Amino acid sequence: MNSLDPQLRDFILFCVERRGADWPALYDEMAMVAGQRLFNGLGRAELKQLGLSLALDSVDRTLELVKQAIAQGQQA
């Protein structure tokens, strides 16, 4: 498993803490947090640079990143 960028991992875990890991509630939370830049000022553009797209055509990839982040968070 590839290691996620720590900022990206922490963004996802922040959203999981706020809303839980159930989909699509987590997706909605990530979109809202990014839209309001509630986590370290990261918005959609910055998240995309880190490898996370919140576009609907990228949902499969987003789910994989969520799984990786949760797994890494459990190892910490």
PDB file of N, CA and C in Angstrom:
ATOM      1  N   MET A   1       0.847  -1.179   0.000  1.00  0.00           N
ATOM      2  CA  MET A   1       0.000   0.000   0.000  1.00  0.00           C
ATOM      3  C   MET A   1       0.888   1.237   0.000  1.00  0.00           C
ATOM      4  N   ASN A   2       0.616   2.161  -0.868  1.00  0.00           N
ATOM      5  CA  ASN A   2       1.361   3.398  -0.923  1.00  0.00           C
ATOM      6  C   ASN A   2       0.959   4.297   0.230  1.00  0.00           C
ATOM      7  N   SER A   3       1.938   5.015   0.744  1.00  0.00           N
ATOM      8  CA  SER A   3       1.666   5.938   1.834  1.00  0.00           C
ATOM      9  C   SER A   3       1.082   7.222   1.265  1.00  0.00           C
ATOM     10  N   LEU A   4       0.025   7.689   1.895  1.00  0.00           N
ATOM     11  CA  LEU A   4      -0.593   8.941   1.467  1.00  0.00           C
ATOM     12  C   LEU A   4       0.227  10.118   1.953  1.00  0.00           C
ATOM     13  N   ASP A   5       0.089  11.239   1.264  1.00  0.00           N
ATOM     14  CA  ASP A   5       0.641  12.482   1.766  1.00  0.00           C
ATOM     15  C   ASP A   5       0.041  12.715   3.152  1.00  0.00           C
ATOM     16  N   PRO A   6       0.849  13.051   4.143  1.00  0.00           N
ATOM     17  CA  PRO A   6       0.317  13.229   5.500  1.00  0.00           C
ATOM     18  C   PRO A   6      -0.807  14.256   5.597  1.00  0.00           C
ATOM     19  N   GLN A   7      -0.726  15.329   4.835  1.00  0.00           N
ATOM     20  CA  GLN A   7      -1.803  16.331   4.852  1.00  0.00           C
ATOM     21  C   GLN A   7      -3.107  15.752   4.332  1.00  0.00           C
ATOM     22  N   LEU A   8      -3.009  14.962   3.276  1.00  0.00           N
ATOM     23  CA  LEU A   8      -4.193  14.350   2.690  1.00  0.00           C
ATOM     24  C   LEU A   8      -4.791  13.327   3.659  1.00  0.00           C
ATOM     25  N   ARG A   9      -3.948  12.498   4.237  1.00  0.00           N
ATOM     26  CA  ARG A   9      -4.406  11.522   5.224  1.00  0.00           C
ATOM     27  C   ARG A   9      -5.100  12.230   6.387  1.00  0.00           C
ATOM     28  N   ASP A  10      -4.481  13.296   6.885  1.00  0.00           N
ATOM     29  CA  ASP A  10      -5.047  14.008   8.030  1.00  0.00           C
ATOM     30  C   ASP A  10      -6.352  14.710   7.671  1.00  0.00           C
ATOM     31  N   PHE A  11      -6.467  15.207   6.447  1.00  0.00           N
ATOM     32  CA  PHE A  11      -7.717  15.806   5.986  1.00  0.00           C
ATOM     33  C   PHE A  11      -8.841  14.777   6.014  1.00  0.00           C
ATOM     34  N   ILE A  12      -8.558  13.602   5.467  1.00  0.00           N
ATOM     35  CA  ILE A  12      -9.582  12.550   5.422  1.00  0.00           C
ATOM     36  C   ILE A  12      -9.959  12.119   6.833  1.00  0.00           C
ATOM     37  N   LEU A  13      -8.969  11.913   7.688  1.00  0.00           N
ATOM     38  CA  LEU A  13      -9.260  11.485   9.058  1.00  0.00           C
ATOM     39  C   LEU A  13     -10.018  12.565   9.832  1.00  0.00           C
ATOM     40  N   PHE A  14      -9.723  13.820   9.567  1.00  0.00           N
ATOM     41  CA  PHE A  14     -10.462  14.930  10.171  1.00  0.00           C
ATOM     42  C   PHE A  14     -11.939  14.837   9.795  1.00  0.00           C
ATOM     43  N   CYS A  15     -12.198  14.580   8.531  1.00  0.00           N
ATOM     44  CA  CYS A  15     -13.580  14.461   8.055  1.00  0.00           C
ATOM     45  C   CYS A  15     -14.260  13.222   8.631  1.00  0.00           C
ATOM     46  N   VAL A  16     -13.517  12.124   8.738  1.00  0.00           N
ATOM     47  CA  VAL A  16     -14.066  10.905   9.333  1.00  0.00           C
ATOM     48  C   VAL A  16     -14.441  11.157  10.792  1.00  0.00           C
ATOM     49  N   GLU A  17     -13.583  11.864  11.525  1.00  0.00           N
ATOM     50  CA  GLU A  17     -13.877  12.181  12.924  1.00  0.00           C
ATOM     51  C   GLU A  17     -15.154  13.004  13.047  1.00  0.00           C
ATOM     52  N   ARG A  18     -15.343  13.932  12.126  1.00  0.00           N
ATOM     53  CA  ARG A  18     -16.503  14.823  12.179  1.00  0.00           C
ATOM     54  C   ARG A  18     -17.800  14.130  11.793  1.00  0.00           C
ATOM     55  N   ARG A  19     -17.735  13.209  10.819  1.00  0.00           N
ATOM     56  CA  ARG A  19     -18.967  12.677  10.225  1.00  0.00           C
ATOM     57  C   ARG A  19     -19.077  11.170  10.227  1.00  0.00           C
ATOM     58  N   GLY A  20     -17.983  10.465  10.483  1.00  0.00           N
ATOM     59  CA  GLY A  20     -17.991   9.015  10.384  1.00  0.00           C
ATOM     60  C   GLY A  20     -17.549   8.574   8.999  1.00  0.00           C
ATOM     61  N   ALA A  21     -17.364   7.277   8.838  1.00  0.00           N
ATOM     62  CA  ALA A  21     -16.823   6.743   7.584  1.00  0.00           C
ATOM     63  C   ALA A  21     -17.900   6.272   6.618  1.00  0.00           C
ATOM     64  N   ASP A  22     -19.168   6.437   6.965  1.00  0.00           N
ATOM     65  CA  ASP A  22     -20.237   5.982   6.075  1.00  0.00           C
ATOM     66  C   ASP A  22     -20.320   6.856   4.832  1.00  0.00           C
ATOM     67  N   TRP A  23     -20.431   6.182   3.716  1.00  0.00           N
ATOM     68  CA  TRP A  23     -20.550   6.842   2.407  1.00  0.00           C
ATOM     69  C   TRP A  23     -22.014   6.921   2.060  1.00  0.00           C
ATOM     70  N   PRO A  24     -22.578   7.975   1.539  1.00  0.00           N
ATOM     71  CA  PRO A  24     -21.972   9.188   1.011  1.00  0.00           C
ATOM     72  C   PRO A  24     -21.859  10.336   2.011  1.00  0.00           C
ATOM     73  N   ALA A  25     -22.208  10.128   3.278  1.00  0.00           N
ATOM     74  CA  ALA A  25     -22.102  11.215   4.261  1.00  0.00           C
ATOM     75  C   ALA A  25     -20.665  11.726   4.360  1.00  0.00           C
ATOM     76  N   LEU A  26     -19.690  10.828   4.285  1.00  0.00           N
ATOM     77  CA  LEU A  26     -18.298  11.251   4.352  1.00  0.00           C
ATOM     78  C   LEU A  26     -17.937  12.099   3.140  1.00  0.00           C
ATOM     79  N   TYR A  27     -18.388  11.703   1.971  1.00  0.00           N
ATOM     80  CA  TYR A  27     -18.136  12.507   0.765  1.00  0.00           C
ATOM     81  C   TYR A  27     -18.695  13.910   0.947  1.00  0.00           C
ATOM     82  N   ASP A  28     -19.922  14.011   1.436  1.00  0.00           N
ATOM     83  CA  ASP A  28     -20.540  15.327   1.658  1.00  0.00           C
ATOM     84  C   ASP A  28     -19.709  16.147   2.634  1.00  0.00           C
ATOM     85  N   GLU A  29     -19.229  15.504   3.686  1.00  0.00           N
ATOM     86  CA  GLU A  29     -18.404  16.205   4.687  1.00  0.00           C
ATOM     87  C   GLU A  29     -17.098  16.692   4.071  1.00  0.00           C
ATOM     88  N   MET A  30     -16.444  15.834   3.280  1.00  0.00           N
ATOM     89  CA  MET A  30     -15.182  16.237   2.652  1.00  0.00           C
ATOM     90  C   MET A  30     -15.401  17.421   1.716  1.00  0.00           C
ATOM     91  N   ALA A  31     -16.484  17.378   0.952  1.00  0.00           N
ATOM     92  CA  ALA A  31     -16.782  18.485   0.038  1.00  0.00           C
ATOM     93  C   ALA A  31     -17.049  19.767   0.814  1.00  0.00           C
ATOM     94  N   MET A  32     -17.789  19.686   1.912  1.00  0.00           N
ATOM     95  CA  MET A  32     -18.101  20.864   2.711  1.00  0.00           C
ATOM     96  C   MET A  32     -16.841  21.417   3.380  1.00  0.00           C
ATOM     97  N   VAL A  33     -16.028  20.530   3.965  1.00  0.00           N
ATOM     98  CA  VAL A  33     -14.797  20.972   4.625  1.00  0.00           C
ATOM     99  C   VAL A  33     -13.862  21.630   3.614  1.00  0.00           C
ATOM    100  N   ALA A  34     -13.724  21.036   2.449  1.00  0.00           N
ATOM    101  CA  ALA A  34     -12.866  21.625   1.411  1.00  0.00           C
ATOM    102  C   ALA A  34     -13.435  22.956   0.923  1.00  0.00           C
ATOM    103  N   GLY A  35     -14.742  23.000   0.728  1.00  0.00           N
ATOM    104  CA  GLY A  35     -15.364  24.226   0.236  1.00  0.00           C
ATOM    105  C   GLY A  35     -15.204  25.395   1.191  1.00  0.00           C
ATOM    106  N   GLN A  36     -15.181  25.099   2.481  1.00  0.00           N
ATOM    107  CA  GLN A  36     -15.030  26.152   3.480  1.00  0.00           C
ATOM    108  C   GLN A  36     -13.599  26.249   4.024  1.00  0.00           C
ATOM    109  N   ARG A  37     -12.711  25.412   3.485  1.00  0.00           N
ATOM    110  CA  ARG A  37     -11.294  25.402   3.877  1.00  0.00           C
ATOM    111  C   ARG A  37     -11.126  25.271   5.394  1.00  0.00           C
ATOM    112  N   LEU A  38     -11.865  24.336   5.971  1.00  0.00           N
ATOM    113  CA  LEU A  38     -11.881  24.176   7.423  1.00  0.00           C
ATOM    114  C   LEU A  38     -10.696  23.387   7.972  1.00  0.00           C
ATOM    115  N   PHE A  39      -9.966  22.704   7.120  1.00  0.00           N
ATOM    116  CA  PHE A  39      -8.818  21.931   7.586  1.00  0.00           C
ATOM    117  C   PHE A  39      -7.542  22.533   7.014  1.00  0.00           C
ATOM    118  N   ASN A  40      -6.807  23.220   7.852  1.00  0.00           N
ATOM    119  CA  ASN A  40      -5.521  23.827   7.473  1.00  0.00           C
ATOM    120  C   ASN A  40      -5.593  24.660   6.206  1.00  0.00           C
ATOM    121  N   GLY A  41      -6.754  25.235   5.909  1.00  0.00           N
ATOM    122  CA  GLY A  41      -6.908  26.088   4.737  1.00  0.00           C
ATOM    123  C   GLY A  41      -6.941  25.349   3.411  1.00  0.00           C
ATOM    124  N   LEU A  42      -7.020  24.010   3.455  1.00  0.00           N
ATOM    125  CA  LEU A  42      -7.027  23.237   2.203  1.00  0.00           C
ATOM    126  C   LEU A  42      -8.388  23.320   1.527  1.00  0.00           C
ATOM    127  N   GLY A  43      -8.358  23.690   0.254  1.00  0.00           N
ATOM    128  CA  GLY A  43      -9.557  23.711  -0.570  1.00  0.00           C
ATOM    129  C   GLY A  43      -9.462  22.638  -1.639  1.00  0.00           C
ATOM    130  N   ARG A  44     -10.416  22.663  -2.537  1.00  0.00           N
ATOM    131  CA  ARG A  44     -10.449  21.635  -3.592  1.00  0.00           C
ATOM    132  C   ARG A  44      -9.182  21.614  -4.438  1.00  0.00           C
ATOM    133  N   ALA A  45      -8.667  22.785  -4.792  1.00  0.00           N
ATOM    134  CA  ALA A  45      -7.476  22.837  -5.649  1.00  0.00           C
ATOM    135  C   ALA A  45      -6.267  22.231  -4.944  1.00  0.00           C
ATOM    136  N   GLU A  46      -6.086  22.570  -3.664  1.00  0.00           N
ATOM    137  CA  GLU A  46      -4.956  22.030  -2.906  1.00  0.00           C
ATOM    138  C   GLU A  46      -5.090  20.526  -2.710  1.00  0.00           C
ATOM    139  N   LEU A  47      -6.296  20.069  -2.448  1.00  0.00           N
ATOM    140  CA  LEU A  47      -6.524  18.629  -2.294  1.00  0.00           C
ATOM    141  C   LEU A  47      -6.247  17.888  -3.600  1.00  0.00           C
ATOM    142  N   LYS A  48      -6.640  18.491  -4.694  1.00  0.00           N
ATOM    143  CA  LYS A  48      -6.390  17.865  -5.997  1.00  0.00           C
ATOM    144  C   LYS A  48      -4.889  17.741  -6.248  1.00  0.00           C
ATOM    145  N   GLN A  49      -4.127  18.755  -5.844  1.00  0.00           N
ATOM    146  CA  GLN A  49      -2.666  18.683  -5.989  1.00  0.00           C
ATOM    147  C   GLN A  49      -2.076  17.561  -5.136  1.00  0.00           C
ATOM    148  N   LEU A  50      -2.735  17.266  -4.018  1.00  0.00           N
ATOM    149  CA  LEU A  50      -2.276  16.183  -3.141  1.00  0.00           C
ATOM    150  C   LEU A  50      -2.777  14.813  -3.605  1.00  0.00           C
ATOM    151  N   GLY A  51      -3.647  14.791  -4.626  1.00  0.00           N
ATOM    152  CA  GLY A  51      -4.104  13.530  -5.200  1.00  0.00           C
ATOM    153  C   GLY A  51      -5.554  13.175  -4.928  1.00  0.00           C
ATOM    154  N   LEU A  52      -6.300  14.088  -4.286  1.00  0.00           N
ATOM    155  CA  LEU A  52      -7.705  13.814  -3.981  1.00  0.00           C
ATOM    156  C   LEU A  52      -8.604  14.725  -4.807  1.00  0.00           C
ATOM    157  N   SER A  53      -9.357  14.124  -5.701  1.00  0.00           N
ATOM    158  CA  SER A  53     -10.354  14.862  -6.464  1.00  0.00           C
ATOM    159  C   SER A  53     -11.720  14.559  -5.869  1.00  0.00           C
ATOM    160  N   LEU A  54     -12.514  15.596  -5.692  1.00  0.00           N
ATOM    161  CA  LEU A  54     -13.870  15.409  -5.197  1.00  0.00           C
ATOM    162  C   LEU A  54     -14.892  15.397  -6.332  1.00  0.00           C
ATOM    163  N   ALA A  55     -14.392  15.285  -7.559  1.00  0.00           N
ATOM    164  CA  ALA A  55     -15.281  15.181  -8.716  1.00  0.00           C
ATOM    165  C   ALA A  55     -15.992  13.831  -8.685  1.00  0.00           C
ATOM    166  N   LEU A  56     -17.243  13.833  -9.100  1.00  0.00           N
ATOM    167  CA  LEU A  56     -18.026  12.595  -9.052  1.00  0.00           C
ATOM    168  C   LEU A  56     -17.453  11.491  -9.930  1.00  0.00           C
ATOM    169  N   ASP A  57     -16.749  11.857 -10.984  1.00  0.00           N
ATOM    170  CA  ASP A  57     -16.169  10.817 -11.836  1.00  0.00           C
ATOM    171  C   ASP A  57     -14.900  10.204 -11.233  1.00  0.00           C
ATOM    172  N   SER A  58     -14.512  10.683 -10.052  1.00  0.00           N
ATOM    173  CA  SER A  58     -13.337  10.154  -9.354  1.00  0.00           C
ATOM    174  C   SER A  58     -13.695   9.446  -8.054  1.00  0.00           C
ATOM    175  N   VAL A  59     -14.952   9.115  -7.880  1.00  0.00           N
ATOM    176  CA  VAL A  59     -15.420   8.536  -6.617  1.00  0.00           C
ATOM    177  C   VAL A  59     -14.688   7.237  -6.280  1.00  0.00           C
ATOM    178  N   ASP A  60     -14.440   6.384  -7.237  1.00  0.00           N
ATOM    179  CA  ASP A  60     -13.752   5.121  -6.955  1.00  0.00           C
ATOM    180  C   ASP A  60     -12.362   5.375  -6.372  1.00  0.00           C
ATOM    181  N   ARG A  61     -11.635   6.284  -6.971  1.00  0.00           N
ATOM    182  CA  ARG A  61     -10.293   6.639  -6.478  1.00  0.00           C
ATOM    183  C   ARG A  61     -10.397   7.271  -5.090  1.00  0.00           C
ATOM    184  N   THR A  62     -11.380   8.126  -4.877  1.00  0.00           N
ATOM    185  CA  THR A  62     -11.573   8.776  -3.583  1.00  0.00           C
ATOM    186  C   THR A  62     -11.830   7.739  -2.506  1.00  0.00           C
ATOM    187  N   LEU A  63     -12.676   6.756  -2.801  1.00  0.00           N
ATOM    188  CA  LEU A  63     -12.946   5.689  -1.837  1.00  0.00           C
ATOM    189  C   LEU A  63     -11.676   4.919  -1.478  1.00  0.00           C
ATOM    190  N   GLU A  64     -10.832   4.670  -2.447  1.00  0.00           N
ATOM    191  CA  GLU A  64      -9.565   3.978  -2.180  1.00  0.00           C
ATOM    192  C   GLU A  64      -8.679   4.810  -1.261  1.00  0.00           C
ATOM    193  N   LEU A  65      -8.634   6.113  -1.489  1.00  0.00           N
ATOM    194  CA  LEU A  65      -7.834   6.994  -0.635  1.00  0.00           C
ATOM    195  C   LEU A  65      -8.383   7.015   0.784  1.00  0.00           C
ATOM    196  N   VAL A  66      -9.698   7.010   0.910  1.00  0.00           N
ATOM    197  CA  VAL A  66     -10.329   6.976   2.229  1.00  0.00           C
ATOM    198  C   VAL A  66      -9.938   5.696   2.955  1.00  0.00           C
ATOM    199  N   LYS A  67     -10.008   4.575   2.273  1.00  0.00           N
ATOM    200  CA  LYS A  67      -9.631   3.295   2.884  1.00  0.00           C
ATOM    201  C   LYS A  67      -8.175   3.313   3.341  1.00  0.00           C
ATOM    202  N   GLN A  68      -7.293   3.853   2.501  1.00  0.00           N
ATOM    203  CA  GLN A  68      -5.874   3.944   2.858  1.00  0.00           C
ATOM    204  C   GLN A  68      -5.682   4.826   4.080  1.00  0.00           C
ATOM    205  N   ALA A  69      -6.343   5.979   4.104  1.00  0.00           N
ATOM    206  CA  ALA A  69      -6.193   6.913   5.221  1.00  0.00           C
ATOM    207  C   ALA A  69      -6.669   6.287   6.522  1.00  0.00           C
ATOM    208  N   ILE A  70      -7.801   5.613   6.476  1.00  0.00           N
ATOM    209  CA  ILE A  70      -8.334   4.975   7.684  1.00  0.00           C
ATOM    210  C   ILE A  70      -7.385   3.877   8.159  1.00  0.00           C
ATOM    211  N   ALA A  71      -6.870   3.089   7.232  1.00  0.00           N
ATOM    212  CA  ALA A  71      -5.925   2.028   7.603  1.00  0.00           C
ATOM    213  C   ALA A  71      -4.659   2.621   8.221  1.00  0.00           C
ATOM    214  N   GLN A  72      -4.145   3.674   7.636  1.00  0.00           N
ATOM    215  CA  GLN A  72      -2.946   4.312   8.184  1.00  0.00           C
ATOM    216  C   GLN A  72      -3.230   4.946   9.542  1.00  0.00           C
ATOM    217  N   GLY A  73      -4.425   5.504   9.701  1.00  0.00           N
ATOM    218  CA  GLY A  73      -4.806   6.103  10.980  1.00  0.00           C
ATOM    219  C   GLY A  73      -4.911   5.077  12.073  1.00  0.00           C
ATOM    220  N   GLN A  74      -5.315   3.862  11.726  1.00  0.00           N
ATOM    221  CA  GLN A  74      -5.444   2.783  12.714  1.00  0.00           C
ATOM    222  C   GLN A  74      -4.079   2.238  13.110  1.00  0.00           C
ATOM    223  N   GLN A  75      -3.099   2.381  12.225  1.00  0.00           N
ATOM    224  CA  GLN A  75      -1.755   1.918  12.526  1.00  0.00           C
ATOM    225  C   GLN A  75      -1.007   2.879  13.436  1.00  0.00           C
ATOM    226  N   ALA A  76      -1.418   4.135  13.441  1.00  0.00           N
ATOM    227  CA  ALA A  76      -0.707   5.167  14.223  1.00  0.00           C
ATOM    228  C   ALA A  76      -0.948   5.019  15.705  1.00  0.00           C
TER     229      ALA A  76
END
